[in-house]
Amino acid sequence: MPKTLQEKIADADERGGKYLADANEAAERGEHEKAEKLYEKGQYWLDRVNKLLGNR
């Protein structure tokens, strides 16, 4: 069954937050290349939230 709009938004928001948290942890450990990739993934999902909300 397809996800509702609210489910898609919640999923994207959760994924974005998780990637950003992982990126912060990687940055604190000095793993800057890994952190940058994780920040990009997090930003992708947060951009998706904005798109789903009609903000873009």
Protein backbone atom coordinates (compact mmCIF):
# COMPACT_ATOMS: atom_id res chain seq x y z
CA MET A 1 0.00 0.00 0.00
CA PRO A 2 1.40 3.44 -0.89
CA LYS A 3 2.45 5.73 1.91
CA THR A 4 0.37 8.77 2.74
CA LEU A 5 1.88 12.22 2.35
CA GLN A 6 2.26 12.50 6.12
CA GLU A 7 4.06 9.16 6.26
CA LYS A 8 6.43 10.25 3.48
CA ILE A 9 7.16 13.51 5.31
CA ALA A 10 7.79 11.74 8.62
CA ASP A 11 10.05 9.17 6.94
CA ALA A 12 12.11 11.81 5.13
CA ASP A 13 12.39 13.92 8.30
CA GLU A 14 13.54 10.91 10.32
CA ARG A 15 16.13 9.92 7.72
CA GLY A 16 17.42 13.49 7.45
CA GLY A 17 17.79 13.82 11.20
CA LYS A 18 19.57 10.48 11.46
CA TYR A 19 22.09 11.35 8.75
CA LEU A 20 22.78 14.75 10.33
CA ALA A 21 23.30 13.17 13.75
CA ASP A 22 25.66 10.59 12.25
CA ALA A 23 27.51 13.39 10.41
CA ASN A 24 27.98 15.34 13.63
CA GLU A 25 29.37 12.27 15.36
CA ALA A 26 31.76 11.59 12.47
CA ALA A 27 32.93 15.22 12.53
CA GLU A 28 33.58 15.01 16.27
CA ARG A 29 35.75 11.94 15.65
CA GLY A 30 37.69 13.86 12.99
CA GLU A 31 36.28 11.84 10.09
CA HIS A 32 35.66 14.90 7.96
CA GLU A 33 35.22 13.21 4.57
CA LYS A 34 32.69 10.78 5.99
CA ALA A 35 30.93 13.62 7.81
CA GLU A 36 30.64 15.63 4.58
CA LYS A 37 29.01 12.71 2.76
CA LEU A 38 26.58 12.21 5.63
CA TYR A 39 25.73 15.93 5.72
CA GLU A 40 24.93 15.75 1.99
CA LYS A 41 22.63 12.77 2.54
CA GLY A 42 20.95 14.50 5.46
CA GLN A 43 20.42 17.63 3.40
CA TYR A 44 18.89 15.57 0.59
CA TRP A 45 16.25 14.18 2.94
CA LEU A 46 15.53 17.54 4.58
CA ASP A 47 15.16 19.09 1.12
CA ARG A 48 12.71 16.30 0.35
CA VAL A 49 10.68 17.22 3.45
CA ASN A 50 10.49 20.81 2.21
CA LYS A 51 9.44 19.66 -1.25
CA LEU A 52 6.73 17.40 0.18
CA LEU A 53 5.48 20.29 2.30
CA GLY A 54 5.28 22.46 -0.79
CA ASN A 55 8.06 24.81 0.32
CA ARG A 56 10.00 24.41 -2.95
